[in-house]
Amino acid sequence: MTRLLETAQAISALGFLGYGFACLITPHMRKEFERYGLPKMRVLTGTLQILAAAGLFLGYRQPVCALISALGLSFMMLVALWVRLKIKDPATGFLQALACLFLNLFVFTAHLLHLLAEH
């Protein structure tokens, strides 16, 4: 695993761990999910993000866990971009989700290529 991949994986894991817990416990995130029109998805979203962050951390020992987690987070960020488009958020609202999408696509691709090269 390269230093760039390790760093990208850590940034994603720490970011989604924090965001996942914020989804579960902060009033701000409760309001955001109401604004998105998805108040019933807040707890599920936060829980999935915490689990995916754990998978990214576990991925340092078991790369397939990072592969699956990064793919799941990439899909989640595609949905986040679609939701922001649907509610007509300003362009700046898309930047975080877009950056997270690219970050997790990088982690996914790097692990996939590494795993394919091993076999």
C-alpha atoms as a PDB file:
ATOM      1  CA  MET A   1       0.000   0.000   0.000  1.00  0.00           C
ATOM      2  CA  THR A   2       1.418   3.371  -0.981  1.00  0.00           C
ATOM      3  CA  ARG A   3       1.637   6.345   1.338  1.00  0.00           C
ATOM      4  CA  LEU A   4      -0.843   8.226  -0.890  1.00  0.00           C
ATOM      5  CA  LEU A   5      -3.392   5.431  -0.600  1.00  0.00           C
ATOM      6  CA  GLU A   6      -2.870   5.132   3.158  1.00  0.00           C
ATOM      7  CA  THR A   7      -3.392   8.879   3.537  1.00  0.00           C
ATOM      8  CA  ALA A   8      -6.474   8.996   1.307  1.00  0.00           C
ATOM      9  CA  GLN A   9      -7.970   6.060   3.175  1.00  0.00           C
ATOM     10  CA  ALA A  10      -7.313   7.697   6.558  1.00  0.00           C
ATOM     11  CA  ILE A  11      -8.791  11.027   5.460  1.00  0.00           C
ATOM     12  CA  SER A  12     -11.926   9.299   4.218  1.00  0.00           C
ATOM     13  CA  ALA A  13     -12.253   7.104   7.301  1.00  0.00           C
ATOM     14  CA  LEU A  14     -11.826   9.992   9.733  1.00  0.00           C
ATOM     15  CA  GLY A  15     -14.146  12.257   7.741  1.00  0.00           C
ATOM     16  CA  PHE A  16     -16.945   9.721   7.497  1.00  0.00           C
ATOM     17  CA  LEU A  17     -16.533   8.660  11.102  1.00  0.00           C
ATOM     18  CA  GLY A  18     -17.080  12.270  12.164  1.00  0.00           C
ATOM     19  CA  TYR A  19     -19.891  12.890   9.697  1.00  0.00           C
ATOM     20  CA  GLY A  20     -21.597   9.633  10.644  1.00  0.00           C
ATOM     21  CA  PHE A  21     -21.616  10.511  14.331  1.00  0.00           C
ATOM     22  CA  ALA A  22     -22.775  14.037  13.481  1.00  0.00           C
ATOM     23  CA  CYS A  23     -25.711  12.522  11.574  1.00  0.00           C
ATOM     24  CA  LEU A  24     -26.699  10.581  14.651  1.00  0.00           C
ATOM     25  CA  ILE A  25     -26.334  13.222  17.360  1.00  0.00           C
ATOM     26  CA  THR A  26     -26.367  16.822  16.107  1.00  0.00           C
ATOM     27  CA  PRO A  27     -29.440  19.016  15.658  1.00  0.00           C
ATOM     28  CA  HIS A  28     -27.755  20.608  12.633  1.00  0.00           C
ATOM     29  CA  MET A  29     -27.729  17.304  10.762  1.00  0.00           C
ATOM     30  CA  ARG A  30     -31.322  16.638  11.756  1.00  0.00           C
ATOM     31  CA  LYS A  31     -32.232  19.943  10.053  1.00  0.00           C
ATOM     32  CA  GLU A  32     -30.068  19.150   7.022  1.00  0.00           C
ATOM     33  CA  PHE A  33     -31.802  15.833   6.421  1.00  0.00           C
ATOM     34  CA  GLU A  34     -35.166  17.594   6.721  1.00  0.00           C
ATOM     35  CA  ARG A  35     -33.927  20.110   4.125  1.00  0.00           C
ATOM     36  CA  TYR A  36     -32.912  17.213   1.876  1.00  0.00           C
ATOM     37  CA  GLY A  37     -36.412  15.782   2.251  1.00  0.00           C
ATOM     38  CA  LEU A  38     -34.956  12.629   3.822  1.00  0.00           C
ATOM     39  CA  PRO A  39     -35.470  12.886   7.593  1.00  0.00           C
ATOM     40  CA  LYS A  40     -36.045   9.140   7.956  1.00  0.00           C
ATOM     41  CA  MET A  41     -32.704   8.350   6.271  1.00  0.00           C
ATOM     42  CA  ARG A  42     -30.520  10.255   8.771  1.00  0.00           C
ATOM     43  CA  VAL A  43     -29.912   7.424  11.244  1.00  0.00           C
ATOM     44  CA  LEU A  44     -29.345   4.847   8.506  1.00  0.00           C
ATOM     45  CA  THR A  45     -26.963   7.191   6.693  1.00  0.00           C
ATOM     46  CA  GLY A  46     -24.971   7.941   9.837  1.00  0.00           C
ATOM     47  CA  THR A  47     -24.800   4.279  10.795  1.00  0.00           C
ATOM     48  CA  LEU A  48     -23.650   3.213   7.325  1.00  0.00           C
ATOM     49  CA  GLN A  49     -21.000   5.930   7.306  1.00  0.00           C
ATOM     50  CA  ILE A  50     -19.640   4.814  10.680  1.00  0.00           C
ATOM     51  CA  LEU A  51     -19.567   1.180   9.518  1.00  0.00           C
ATOM     52  CA  ALA A  52     -17.847   2.142   6.260  1.00  0.00           C
ATOM     53  CA  ALA A  53     -15.273   4.199   8.180  1.00  0.00           C
ATOM     54  CA  ALA A  54     -14.600   1.145  10.342  1.00  0.00           C
ATOM     55  CA  GLY A  55     -14.219  -0.895   7.158  1.00  0.00           C
ATOM     56  CA  LEU A  56     -11.672   1.581   5.844  1.00  0.00           C
ATOM     57  CA  PHE A  57      -9.684   1.294   9.065  1.00  0.00           C
ATOM     58  CA  LEU A  58      -9.942  -2.504   8.943  1.00  0.00           C
ATOM     59  CA  GLY A  59      -8.808  -2.267   5.329  1.00  0.00           C
ATOM     60  CA  TYR A  60      -5.247  -1.597   6.421  1.00  0.00           C
ATOM     61  CA  ARG A  61      -5.108  -5.269   7.460  1.00  0.00           C
ATOM     62  CA  GLN A  62      -7.801  -6.678   5.161  1.00  0.00           C
ATOM     63  CA  PRO A  63      -7.753  -4.698   1.883  1.00  0.00           C
ATOM     64  CA  VAL A  64     -11.035  -6.192   0.659  1.00  0.00           C
ATOM     65  CA  CYS A  65     -12.782  -4.368   3.552  1.00  0.00           C
ATOM     66  CA  ALA A  66     -11.422  -1.047   2.292  1.00  0.00           C
ATOM     67  CA  LEU A  67     -12.452  -1.951  -1.250  1.00  0.00           C
ATOM     68  CA  ILE A  68     -16.059  -2.656  -0.234  1.00  0.00           C
ATOM     69  CA  SER A  69     -16.264   0.343   2.107  1.00  0.00           C
ATOM     70  CA  ALA A  70     -14.861   2.772  -0.454  1.00  0.00           C
ATOM     71  CA  LEU A  71     -17.293   1.484  -3.078  1.00  0.00           C
ATOM     72  CA  GLY A  72     -20.215   1.920  -0.677  1.00  0.00           C
ATOM     73  CA  LEU A  73     -19.129   5.442   0.244  1.00  0.00           C
ATOM     74  CA  SER A  74     -18.693   6.297  -3.449  1.00  0.00           C
ATOM     75  CA  PHE A  75     -22.254   5.177  -4.112  1.00  0.00           C
ATOM     76  CA  MET A  76     -23.434   7.173  -1.097  1.00  0.00           C
ATOM     77  CA  MET A  77     -21.728  10.281  -2.493  1.00  0.00           C
ATOM     78  CA  LEU A  78     -23.399   9.782  -5.867  1.00  0.00           C
ATOM     79  CA  VAL A  79     -26.737   9.745  -4.062  1.00  0.00           C
ATOM     80  CA  ALA A  80     -25.692  12.859  -2.096  1.00  0.00           C
ATOM     81  CA  LEU A  81     -24.894  14.667  -5.357  1.00  0.00           C
ATOM     82  CA  TRP A  82     -28.257  13.635  -6.814  1.00  0.00           C
ATOM     83  CA  VAL A  83     -30.090  14.869  -3.689  1.00  0.00           C
ATOM     84  CA  ARG A  84     -28.270  18.210  -3.791  1.00  0.00           C
ATOM     85  CA  LEU A  85     -29.160  18.547  -7.477  1.00  0.00           C
ATOM     86  CA  LYS A  86     -32.770  17.669  -6.739  1.00  0.00           C
ATOM     87  CA  ILE A  87     -33.093  20.333  -4.015  1.00  0.00           C
ATOM     88  CA  LYS A  88     -31.235  22.860  -6.173  1.00  0.00           C
ATOM     89  CA  ASP A  89     -28.372  23.469  -3.751  1.00  0.00           C
ATOM     90  CA  PRO A  90     -25.830  26.062  -4.865  1.00  0.00           C
ATOM     91  CA  ALA A  91     -22.692  24.717  -6.545  1.00  0.00           C
ATOM     92  CA  THR A  92     -20.698  25.080  -3.335  1.00  0.00           C
ATOM     93  CA  GLY A  93     -22.995  22.512  -1.725  1.00  0.00           C
ATOM     94  CA  PHE A  94     -21.748  19.924  -4.202  1.00  0.00           C
ATOM     95  CA  LEU A  95     -18.035  20.366  -3.525  1.00  0.00           C
ATOM     96  CA  GLN A  96     -17.746  18.263  -0.380  1.00  0.00           C
ATOM     97  CA  ALA A  97     -19.723  15.355  -1.815  1.00  0.00           C
ATOM     98  CA  LEU A  98     -17.772  15.548  -5.077  1.00  0.00           C
ATOM     99  CA  ALA A  99     -14.425  15.586  -3.264  1.00  0.00           C
ATOM    100  CA  CYS A 100     -15.505  12.602  -1.133  1.00  0.00           C
ATOM    101  CA  LEU A 101     -16.679  10.773  -4.247  1.00  0.00           C
ATOM    102  CA  PHE A 102     -13.297  11.187  -5.959  1.00  0.00           C
ATOM    103  CA  LEU A 103     -11.401  10.334  -2.784  1.00  0.00           C
ATOM    104  CA  ASN A 104     -13.306   7.082  -2.321  1.00  0.00           C
ATOM    105  CA  LEU A 105     -13.144   6.196  -6.003  1.00  0.00           C
ATOM    106  CA  PHE A 106      -9.372   6.558  -5.717  1.00  0.00           C
ATOM    107  CA  VAL A 107      -9.269   4.285  -2.647  1.00  0.00           C
ATOM    108  CA  PHE A 108     -11.528   1.741  -4.350  1.00  0.00           C
ATOM    109  CA  THR A 109      -9.561   1.745  -7.620  1.00  0.00           C
ATOM    110  CA  ALA A 110      -6.172   1.508  -5.909  1.00  0.00           C
ATOM    111  CA  HIS A 111      -7.271  -1.466  -3.812  1.00  0.00           C
ATOM    112  CA  LEU A 112      -8.941  -3.147  -6.776  1.00  0.00           C
ATOM    113  CA  LEU A 113      -5.820  -2.823  -8.917  1.00  0.00           C
ATOM    114  CA  HIS A 114      -3.666  -4.095  -6.071  1.00  0.00           C
ATOM    115  CA  LEU A 115      -5.916  -7.084  -5.429  1.00  0.00           C
ATOM    116  CA  LEU A 116      -6.071  -7.926  -9.153  1.00  0.00           C
ATOM    117  CA  ALA A 117      -2.296  -7.719  -9.430  1.00  0.00           C
ATOM    118  CA  GLU A 118      -1.941 -10.249  -6.606  1.00  0.00           C
ATOM    119  CA  HIS A 119      -4.044 -12.856  -8.426  1.00  0.00           C
END
